[in-house]
Amino acid sequence: MADLLHTLTDQLDAPQSDFARWDAYYDGVQPLAFLSPEAKAALGDRLGRMVSNVPRLAVTSLAERLRVIGFEGADVWPDWIRNNLDQHSGTLHREALTLGSAYCIVWGDRTDRPVAAVESAKQVTALRDPGTGETSAALKRWSTSTTTEAVLWEPDRVRRFRAPTTGATAGGFQLVETLPNPLGVVPVVEFRNADRLLAEGVSEITDLAPLVDALNKTLADMLVTSEYAARPRRWATGIELEEDETGEAVNPIPEGNRAMISENPDAKFGQLDAADMAAYRDAVSVLVSQIMAVSALPAHYLGALTDQPASADALRASEAALTARAEARQQTFGRSWEQVARLLVAVRTRGQMPAEIRVQWNDPSTRSVAQEADAVVKLFASGLLPASYALKRLGYADDEISEIRTARRAEALDSAGVNLTQLLPRESA
């Protein structure tokens, strides 16, 4: 027990510094990079927060295209809605895209109804069997104001531990209770943001971080230049300097004076050329193009106003790379959601886990309501799609489809003039 608990706590602690870094980039509070020590000393506290929060845009733009709309193979949707997974699934996707991993824990409440909770990789970690790839054990650890709590899941049992201090390690935990695990599997499902077989979860911000640092540095330089060099600097010669109370030489013509006057006939006045800001614009354009290539964000997402799509087809074409990336993430996260669905059914049926459940995703591409309706109507009119499936393609939920079909049958009977009361058996006199 101690070895497994120690292994999982070490595994949980190892990436915490990376998580803090990605959180800072997502929140836009990362420190300014590429500044020399001399520049930092010269600027002091005069340079405030200057961050273009591209990482949050990259994560949310991808996560908003990952929307689960149903399951095939079992009646999972009522449990999905009751556990608010229609809302929390988006949070899980953002967490996995930001930190590289996220988790969903499935268990039963006091009435044996399935309960699913979305968890962060900051508090949950799991061990995978190197032979099968299945989860062999998992740990959740969190702190209260006075204690540290931990729950260790194994295929045959669930154990809860407690330490009387906050921030406890494995050696400080004491066993509180042990419960049997009737599911026979670890009910903790990992959502790994990885596109290779043996790779660990990778944050979407990993490749963006150096480019965003360079962009923020360039924007900060541009602001500093606009403050100190963009406004033309004036100069004057042939004027005697004045002295202040301490004997220091001072400018006899304050900067605030709009007119400069001198009684000396040899005095000359002029101004330096203003700084050319075009170089910063070109540098920003280069960095933004690199960010677009790495993140698959289209130009109009990043404010490139000269590349606005002229039509709906041009809009879909400009977002093709982002759509393809979203489809890849659907495949990555789809297996995990299908395992969550099987666990929901297993809790409800007390251990009978279905063999096959398929998740259904919303179309990640950008399409107007008119375009979608026109395409579905053409498929329905040609006989390729039944009415119920056509309604599902238009985004209607199963209960809404049932209501629509009931309403259509009622309208059809009204149009035919059928009196339903006449079809009921008459009571004998």
Protein backbone atom coordinates (compact mmCIF):
# COMPACT_ATOMS: atom_id res chain seq x y z
CA MET A 1 0.00 0.00 0.00
CA ALA A 2 2.73 2.44 0.99
CA ASP A 3 4.71 1.82 -2.21
CA LEU A 4 1.66 2.40 -4.46
CA LEU A 5 0.60 5.50 -2.54
CA HIS A 6 4.16 6.85 -2.62
CA THR A 7 4.45 6.22 -6.37
CA LEU A 8 1.21 8.00 -7.14
CA THR A 9 1.94 11.00 -4.90
CA ASP A 10 5.37 11.42 -6.52
CA GLN A 11 3.74 11.17 -9.94
CA LEU A 12 1.18 13.79 -8.90
CA ASP A 13 3.83 16.21 -7.58
CA ALA A 14 6.25 15.94 -10.52
CA PRO A 15 4.41 18.12 -13.10
CA GLN A 16 3.03 20.75 -10.69
CA SER A 17 5.61 23.36 -11.73
CA ASP A 18 4.66 22.85 -15.38
CA PHE A 19 0.98 23.17 -14.48
CA ALA A 20 1.68 26.48 -12.73
CA ARG A 21 3.48 27.72 -15.83
CA TRP A 22 0.66 26.79 -18.21
CA ASP A 23 -1.88 28.33 -15.84
CA ALA A 24 0.08 31.58 -15.94
CA TYR A 25 0.08 31.59 -19.74
CA TYR A 26 -3.62 30.75 -19.89
CA ASP A 27 -4.44 33.57 -17.45
CA GLY A 28 -2.07 35.98 -19.19
CA VAL A 29 0.09 36.68 -16.12
CA GLN A 30 3.36 35.12 -17.27
CA PRO A 31 6.50 37.26 -16.79
CA LEU A 32 7.84 39.25 -19.71
CA ALA A 33 10.61 37.31 -21.44
CA PHE A 34 13.65 38.29 -23.56
CA LEU A 35 14.36 41.42 -21.49
CA SER A 36 17.99 42.05 -20.59
CA PRO A 37 18.84 42.78 -16.94
CA GLU A 38 19.85 46.31 -17.96
CA ALA A 39 16.51 46.92 -19.62
CA LYS A 40 14.61 45.58 -16.59
CA ALA A 41 16.62 47.87 -14.30
CA ALA A 42 16.02 50.87 -16.57
CA LEU A 43 12.27 50.26 -16.87
CA GLY A 44 11.74 49.48 -13.21
CA ASP A 45 8.04 49.51 -12.33
CA ARG A 46 7.07 51.84 -15.15
CA LEU A 47 6.16 49.03 -17.55
CA GLY A 48 2.82 47.52 -16.55
CA ARG A 49 1.25 44.28 -17.74
CA MET A 50 1.62 43.89 -21.51
CA VAL A 51 0.33 40.49 -22.63
CA SER A 52 -1.44 39.41 -25.81
CA ASN A 53 -3.32 36.40 -24.45
CA VAL A 54 -3.06 34.14 -27.49
CA PRO A 55 -2.81 30.91 -25.39
CA ARG A 56 -6.31 31.34 -23.96
CA LEU A 57 -7.63 32.07 -27.45
CA ALA A 58 -5.94 28.95 -28.86
CA VAL A 59 -7.37 26.72 -26.11
CA THR A 60 -10.91 28.10 -26.11
CA SER A 61 -11.14 28.21 -29.92
CA LEU A 62 -10.35 24.51 -30.02
CA ALA A 63 -12.45 23.53 -26.99
CA GLU A 64 -15.60 25.26 -28.24
CA ARG A 65 -15.59 22.91 -31.26
CA LEU A 66 -15.60 19.81 -29.04
CA ARG A 67 -19.24 19.26 -28.08
CA VAL A 68 -20.69 15.84 -27.31
CA ILE A 69 -24.26 15.52 -28.60
CA GLY A 70 -25.11 11.89 -27.83
CA PHE A 71 -24.14 8.23 -27.51
CA GLU A 72 -24.98 5.08 -29.44
CA GLY A 73 -25.22 1.61 -27.91
CA ALA A 74 -26.78 2.47 -24.52
CA ASP A 75 -29.17 4.95 -22.94
CA VAL A 76 -26.55 7.22 -21.37
CA TRP A 77 -27.99 10.67 -22.08
CA PRO A 78 -30.25 10.96 -18.98
CA ASP A 79 -27.26 10.28 -16.69
CA TRP A 80 -25.17 12.65 -18.80
CA ILE A 81 -27.65 15.48 -18.32
CA ARG A 82 -28.27 14.74 -14.63
CA ASN A 83 -24.54 15.00 -13.92
CA ASN A 84 -24.34 18.29 -15.88
CA LEU A 85 -21.76 16.79 -18.20
CA ASP A 86 -23.27 18.72 -21.09
CA GLN A 87 -21.72 21.76 -19.37
CA HIS A 88 -18.79 20.27 -17.46
CA SER A 89 -17.46 18.40 -20.51
CA GLY A 90 -16.39 21.72 -22.00
CA THR A 91 -14.53 22.54 -18.80
CA LEU A 92 -12.77 19.16 -18.96
CA HIS A 93 -11.73 19.77 -22.56
CA ARG A 94 -10.24 23.17 -21.69
CA GLU A 95 -8.42 21.65 -18.72
CA ALA A 96 -6.95 18.83 -20.82
CA LEU A 97 -5.92 21.19 -23.61
CA THR A 98 -4.28 23.58 -21.12
CA LEU A 99 -2.50 21.14 -18.79
CA GLY A 100 -2.17 18.15 -21.10
CA SER A 101 -4.48 15.87 -19.08
CA ALA A 102 -7.79 15.89 -17.24
CA TYR A 103 -9.87 13.20 -15.53
CA CYS A 104 -13.44 12.08 -14.98
CA ILE A 105 -14.32 9.96 -11.94
CA VAL A 106 -17.48 7.81 -12.01
CA TRP A 107 -19.01 6.36 -8.85
CA GLY A 108 -22.43 5.76 -7.31
CA ASP A 109 -24.34 7.84 -4.79
CA ARG A 110 -26.35 6.50 -1.84
CA THR A 111 -29.20 5.47 -4.14
CA ASP A 112 -26.83 3.71 -6.58
CA ARG A 113 -27.32 6.38 -9.22
CA PRO A 114 -24.16 7.08 -11.27
CA VAL A 115 -22.24 10.22 -10.39
CA ALA A 116 -19.56 11.65 -12.69
CA ALA A 117 -17.14 14.36 -11.58
CA VAL A 118 -14.71 16.28 -13.79
CA GLU A 119 -11.26 16.53 -12.17
CA SER A 120 -8.06 18.46 -12.76
CA ALA A 121 -4.65 16.89 -13.30
CA LYS A 122 -3.45 19.06 -10.41
CA GLN A 123 -5.34 16.77 -8.00
CA VAL A 124 -5.67 13.45 -9.84
CA THR A 125 -3.19 11.09 -11.43
CA ALA A 126 -3.35 7.51 -12.70
CA LEU A 127 -1.07 4.54 -13.39
CA ARG A 128 -1.41 2.69 -16.68
CA ASP A 129 -0.55 -0.96 -17.23
CA PRO A 130 2.34 -0.92 -19.75
CA GLY A 131 1.07 -4.14 -21.29
CA THR A 132 -2.61 -3.37 -21.82
CA GLY A 133 -2.68 0.41 -21.47
CA GLU A 134 -5.56 0.12 -19.00
CA THR A 135 -5.66 2.16 -15.79
CA SER A 136 -4.38 0.01 -12.93
CA ALA A 137 -4.63 2.54 -10.07
CA ALA A 138 -5.52 6.18 -9.55
CA LEU A 139 -5.19 8.77 -6.80
CA LYS A 140 -6.99 11.99 -5.96
CA ARG A 141 -5.43 14.27 -3.35
CA TRP A 142 -6.72 17.57 -2.03
CA SER A 143 -6.23 19.78 1.00
CA THR A 144 -8.67 21.28 3.47
CA SER A 145 -7.87 24.07 5.93
CA THR A 146 -6.34 21.58 8.39
CA THR A 147 -5.89 18.20 6.67
CA THR A 148 -4.81 16.53 3.46
CA GLU A 149 -7.26 14.00 2.01
CA ALA A 150 -6.52 11.25 -0.52
CA VAL A 151 -8.53 8.52 -2.23
CA LEU A 152 -6.77 5.56 -3.85
CA TRP A 153 -8.73 3.58 -6.45
CA GLU A 154 -7.82 0.02 -7.41
CA PRO A 155 -9.79 -2.54 -9.44
CA ASP A 156 -10.97 -4.41 -6.34
CA ARG A 157 -11.16 -1.72 -3.63
CA VAL A 158 -11.18 1.98 -2.81
CA ARG A 159 -9.22 3.32 0.16
CA ARG A 160 -9.40 6.73 1.75
CA PHE A 161 -6.47 8.31 3.58
CA ARG A 162 -6.05 11.40 5.74
CA ALA A 163 -3.09 13.35 7.07
CA PRO A 164 -3.42 15.84 9.95
CA THR A 165 -1.42 18.49 8.07
CA THR A 166 -1.71 20.28 4.75
CA GLY A 167 0.68 19.44 1.93
CA ALA A 168 1.33 15.96 3.34
CA THR A 169 3.44 13.36 1.54
CA ALA A 170 2.77 9.64 1.35
CA GLY A 171 4.47 9.01 4.69
CA GLY A 172 2.03 11.21 6.60
CA PHE A 173 -1.22 9.51 5.53
CA GLN A 174 -3.29 7.20 7.72
CA LEU A 175 -5.92 4.79 6.39
CA VAL A 176 -9.45 6.00 7.21
CA GLU A 177 -11.70 3.47 5.45
CA THR A 178 -11.73 0.77 2.78
CA LEU A 179 -14.64 0.14 0.41
CA PRO A 180 -15.13 -2.66 -2.14
CA ASN A 181 -15.12 -1.74 -5.81
CA PRO A 182 -18.03 -3.63 -7.44
CA LEU A 183 -17.12 -2.34 -10.92
CA GLY A 184 -13.97 -4.44 -11.17
CA VAL A 185 -12.10 -1.61 -12.92
CA VAL A 186 -10.61 1.68 -11.78
CA PRO A 187 -13.46 4.21 -12.27
CA VAL A 188 -11.06 7.04 -13.16
CA VAL A 189 -10.80 7.93 -16.85
CA GLU A 190 -7.90 9.99 -18.15
CA PHE A 191 -8.23 12.43 -21.04
CA ARG A 192 -4.75 12.76 -22.50
CA ASN A 193 -4.01 15.47 -25.03
CA ALA A 194 -1.50 13.37 -26.98
CA ASP A 195 -1.22 12.32 -30.61
CA ARG A 196 1.42 9.62 -30.17
CA LEU A 197 1.17 6.18 -28.61
CA LEU A 198 3.64 6.48 -25.74
CA ALA A 199 3.52 10.25 -25.27
CA GLU A 200 2.27 11.87 -22.10
CA GLY A 201 -0.32 14.62 -22.24
CA VAL A 202 0.99 17.82 -23.83
CA SER A 203 -0.40 21.30 -23.31
CA GLU A 204 -1.54 23.22 -26.38
CA ILE A 205 0.50 26.12 -25.01
CA THR A 206 3.83 24.26 -25.20
CA ASP A 207 4.64 25.24 -28.80
CA LEU A 208 3.00 28.65 -28.46
CA ALA A 209 4.90 29.84 -25.37
CA PRO A 210 8.16 31.03 -27.02
CA LEU A 211 6.29 32.72 -29.87
CA VAL A 212 3.91 34.45 -27.47
CA ASP A 213 6.88 35.59 -25.36
CA ALA A 214 8.47 37.10 -28.45
CA LEU A 215 5.20 38.80 -29.43
CA ASN A 216 4.73 40.29 -25.96
CA LYS A 217 8.35 41.50 -25.92
CA THR A 218 7.89 43.19 -29.31
CA LEU A 219 4.66 44.85 -28.20
CA ALA A 220 6.36 46.07 -25.01
CA ASP A 221 9.27 47.47 -27.04
CA MET A 222 6.81 49.22 -29.30
CA LEU A 223 5.08 50.88 -26.34
CA VAL A 224 8.41 51.95 -24.80
CA THR A 225 9.52 53.35 -28.15
CA SER A 226 6.25 55.24 -28.56
CA GLU A 227 6.79 56.77 -25.13
CA TYR A 228 10.42 57.80 -25.51
CA ALA A 229 11.16 58.09 -29.22
CA ALA A 230 7.95 58.23 -31.25
CA ARG A 231 7.27 61.79 -30.11
CA PRO A 232 9.88 64.09 -31.71
CA ARG A 233 12.53 65.28 -29.27
CA ARG A 234 13.51 68.97 -29.38
CA TRP A 235 16.98 70.43 -29.06
CA ALA A 236 18.51 73.85 -28.54
CA THR A 237 22.09 75.26 -28.69
CA GLY A 238 23.66 78.57 -27.70
CA ILE A 239 21.63 78.84 -24.48
CA GLU A 240 23.22 78.99 -21.05
CA LEU A 241 21.96 76.38 -18.61
CA GLU A 242 20.49 77.42 -15.28
CA GLU A 243 21.24 75.97 -11.88
CA ASP A 244 18.77 74.75 -9.28
CA GLU A 245 19.03 75.15 -5.51
CA THR A 246 21.57 72.33 -5.26
CA GLY A 247 23.79 73.71 -8.00
CA GLU A 248 22.73 71.13 -10.61
CA ALA A 249 22.38 72.32 -14.22
CA VAL A 250 18.79 72.33 -15.45
CA ASN A 251 17.05 73.03 -18.76
CA PRO A 252 16.10 76.72 -18.89
CA ILE A 253 13.20 75.91 -21.22
CA PRO A 254 10.80 73.45 -19.51
CA GLU A 255 9.56 70.57 -21.63
CA GLY A 256 5.99 71.72 -21.17
CA ASN A 257 6.48 75.09 -22.90
CA ARG A 258 5.06 75.06 -26.40
CA ALA A 259 7.19 78.07 -27.50
CA MET A 260 10.93 78.35 -26.89
CA ILE A 261 12.38 81.87 -26.56
CA SER A 262 15.99 83.00 -26.16
CA GLU A 263 17.59 86.48 -26.06
CA ASN A 264 20.84 85.07 -27.39
CA PRO A 265 21.06 85.79 -31.16
CA ASP A 266 23.27 82.72 -31.63
CA ALA A 267 20.68 80.32 -30.17
CA LYS A 268 19.36 77.62 -32.50
CA PHE A 269 16.35 75.33 -32.12
CA GLY A 270 15.27 72.12 -33.83
CA GLN A 271 13.89 68.61 -33.31
CA LEU A 272 15.02 65.06 -33.94
CA ASP A 273 13.21 62.74 -36.31
CA ALA A 274 10.48 60.59 -34.75
CA ALA A 275 11.09 56.87 -34.44
CA ASP A 276 9.82 54.73 -37.31
CA MET A 277 7.24 52.28 -35.88
CA ALA A 278 6.92 50.30 -39.13
CA ALA A 279 9.66 47.91 -38.04
CA TYR A 280 7.57 46.83 -35.06
CA ARG A 281 4.54 46.29 -37.29
CA ASP A 282 6.58 44.04 -39.56
CA ALA A 283 7.98 42.08 -36.59
CA VAL A 284 4.49 41.59 -35.15
CA SER A 285 3.25 40.35 -38.53
CA VAL A 286 6.02 37.75 -38.71
CA LEU A 287 5.33 36.51 -35.18
CA VAL A 288 1.57 36.37 -35.75
CA SER A 289 2.10 34.33 -38.92
CA GLN A 290 4.22 31.86 -36.95
CA ILE A 291 1.57 31.68 -34.22
CA MET A 292 -1.06 30.97 -36.88
CA ALA A 293 1.05 28.16 -38.31
CA VAL A 294 1.63 26.53 -34.90
CA SER A 295 -1.84 26.96 -33.42
CA ALA A 296 -3.93 26.57 -36.63
CA LEU A 297 -5.77 29.77 -35.69
CA PRO A 298 -7.09 31.61 -38.78
CA ALA A 299 -6.03 35.17 -39.50
CA HIS A 300 -9.37 36.73 -38.54
CA TYR A 301 -9.12 35.14 -35.07
CA LEU A 302 -5.88 37.05 -34.45
CA GLY A 303 -7.08 40.41 -35.65
CA ALA A 304 -5.46 40.39 -39.09
CA LEU A 305 -8.09 42.69 -40.54
CA THR A 306 -6.66 42.58 -44.05
CA ASP A 307 -7.45 38.86 -44.33
CA GLN A 308 -11.15 38.89 -43.47
CA PRO A 309 -13.03 36.07 -45.32
CA ALA A 310 -15.28 37.48 -48.02
CA SER A 311 -17.89 34.70 -47.92
CA ALA A 312 -19.11 31.73 -45.91
CA ASP A 313 -17.10 29.35 -48.09
CA ALA A 314 -13.98 31.46 -47.60
CA LEU A 315 -14.61 31.43 -43.85
CA ARG A 316 -14.81 27.62 -43.80
CA ALA A 317 -11.66 27.38 -45.91
CA SER A 318 -9.73 29.71 -43.60
CA GLU A 319 -10.74 27.58 -40.60
CA ALA A 320 -9.95 24.22 -42.25
CA ALA A 321 -6.76 23.66 -40.24
CA LEU A 322 -8.51 24.46 -36.95
CA THR A 323 -11.39 22.16 -37.90
CA ALA A 324 -8.98 19.32 -38.70
CA ARG A 325 -7.27 19.79 -35.35
CA ALA A 326 -10.64 19.70 -33.57
CA GLU A 327 -11.55 16.46 -35.38
CA ALA A 328 -8.26 14.96 -34.22
CA ARG A 329 -9.05 15.92 -30.63
CA GLN A 330 -12.49 14.34 -30.99
CA GLN A 331 -10.80 11.06 -31.81
CA THR A 332 -8.36 11.50 -28.92
CA PHE A 333 -11.02 12.30 -26.31
CA GLY A 334 -13.72 10.09 -27.84
CA ARG A 335 -12.39 6.82 -26.39
CA SER A 336 -12.25 8.38 -22.95
CA TRP A 337 -15.85 9.60 -23.13
CA GLU A 338 -16.95 6.16 -24.30
CA GLN A 339 -15.27 4.65 -21.22
CA VAL A 340 -17.07 7.19 -19.04
CA ALA A 341 -20.37 6.18 -20.67
CA ARG A 342 -19.67 2.48 -20.02
CA LEU A 343 -18.93 3.25 -16.36
CA LEU A 344 -22.18 5.22 -16.04
CA VAL A 345 -24.11 2.20 -17.32
CA ALA A 346 -22.10 -0.18 -15.10
CA VAL A 347 -22.95 1.80 -11.96
CA ARG A 348 -26.62 1.86 -12.87
CA THR A 349 -26.69 -1.88 -13.66
CA ARG A 350 -24.38 -2.81 -10.74
CA GLY A 351 -21.37 -4.00 -12.67
CA GLN A 352 -22.73 -5.00 -16.09
CA MET A 353 -20.60 -2.89 -18.40
CA PRO A 354 -21.70 -2.73 -22.07
CA ALA A 355 -19.14 -3.88 -24.59
CA GLU A 356 -19.62 -1.13 -27.15
CA ILE A 357 -20.71 2.50 -26.86
CA ARG A 358 -20.01 5.13 -29.47
CA VAL A 359 -19.85 8.86 -28.77
CA GLN A 360 -21.40 11.37 -31.15
CA TRP A 361 -19.77 14.76 -31.68
CA ASN A 362 -21.15 17.96 -33.08
CA ASP A 363 -19.71 19.03 -36.43
CA PRO A 364 -16.59 21.07 -35.56
CA SER A 365 -16.66 23.11 -38.76
CA THR A 366 -18.23 26.54 -38.97
CA ARG A 367 -21.50 26.36 -40.84
CA SER A 368 -24.42 28.77 -40.86
CA VAL A 369 -27.90 27.60 -39.86
CA ALA A 370 -29.12 28.14 -43.42
CA GLN A 371 -26.30 26.05 -44.90
CA GLU A 372 -26.84 23.20 -42.45
CA ALA A 373 -30.62 23.21 -42.92
CA ASP A 374 -30.28 23.30 -46.72
CA ALA A 375 -27.88 20.33 -46.76
CA VAL A 376 -30.03 18.24 -44.40
CA VAL A 377 -33.25 19.01 -46.29
CA LYS A 378 -31.64 17.89 -49.55
CA LEU A 379 -30.47 14.62 -47.97
CA PHE A 380 -33.94 14.05 -46.48
CA ALA A 381 -35.75 14.85 -49.74
CA SER A 382 -33.54 12.42 -51.63
CA GLY A 383 -34.47 9.67 -49.19
CA LEU A 384 -30.95 9.21 -47.84
CA LEU A 385 -31.88 10.33 -44.29
CA PRO A 386 -34.96 9.53 -42.19
CA ALA A 387 -36.73 12.41 -40.48
CA SER A 388 -35.47 11.53 -36.99
CA TYR A 389 -31.84 11.44 -38.11
CA ALA A 390 -32.26 14.66 -40.09
CA LEU A 391 -33.51 16.41 -36.95
CA LYS A 392 -30.52 15.08 -35.02
CA ARG A 393 -28.19 16.46 -37.70
CA LEU A 394 -29.80 19.84 -37.14
CA GLY A 395 -28.81 19.72 -33.47
CA TYR A 396 -32.07 18.62 -31.81
CA ALA A 397 -31.80 16.46 -28.70
CA ASP A 398 -33.57 13.10 -28.39
CA ASP A 399 -36.36 14.46 -26.17
CA GLU A 400 -36.93 17.38 -28.58
CA ILE A 401 -37.14 14.94 -31.50
CA SER A 402 -39.76 12.92 -29.61
CA GLU A 403 -41.81 16.07 -28.95
CA ILE A 404 -41.56 17.09 -32.61
CA ARG A 405 -42.71 13.65 -33.81
CA THR A 406 -45.64 13.68 -31.35
CA ALA A 407 -46.67 17.15 -32.49
CA ARG A 408 -46.49 16.11 -36.15
CA ARG A 409 -48.69 13.07 -35.55
CA ALA A 410 -51.24 15.25 -33.74
CA GLU A 411 -51.27 17.77 -36.59
CA ALA A 412 -51.66 14.97 -39.15
CA LEU A 413 -54.68 13.60 -37.29
CA ASP A 414 -56.18 17.08 -37.06
CA SER A 415 -55.72 17.59 -40.80
CA ALA A 416 -57.43 14.25 -41.51
CA GLY A 417 -60.34 15.19 -39.28
CA VAL A 418 -59.99 12.10 -37.08
CA ASN A 419 -61.83 12.26 -33.74
CA LEU A 420 -59.79 10.19 -31.31
CA THR A 421 -62.70 9.92 -28.87
CA GLN A 422 -64.68 7.92 -31.43
CA LEU A 423 -61.96 5.29 -31.48
CA LEU A 424 -62.33 4.59 -27.77
CA PRO A 425 -64.56 1.62 -26.77
CA ARG A 426 -68.05 2.69 -25.70
CA GLU A 427 -69.21 1.80 -22.23
CA SER A 428 -72.06 -0.64 -22.17
CA ALA A 429 -75.39 0.78 -21.13
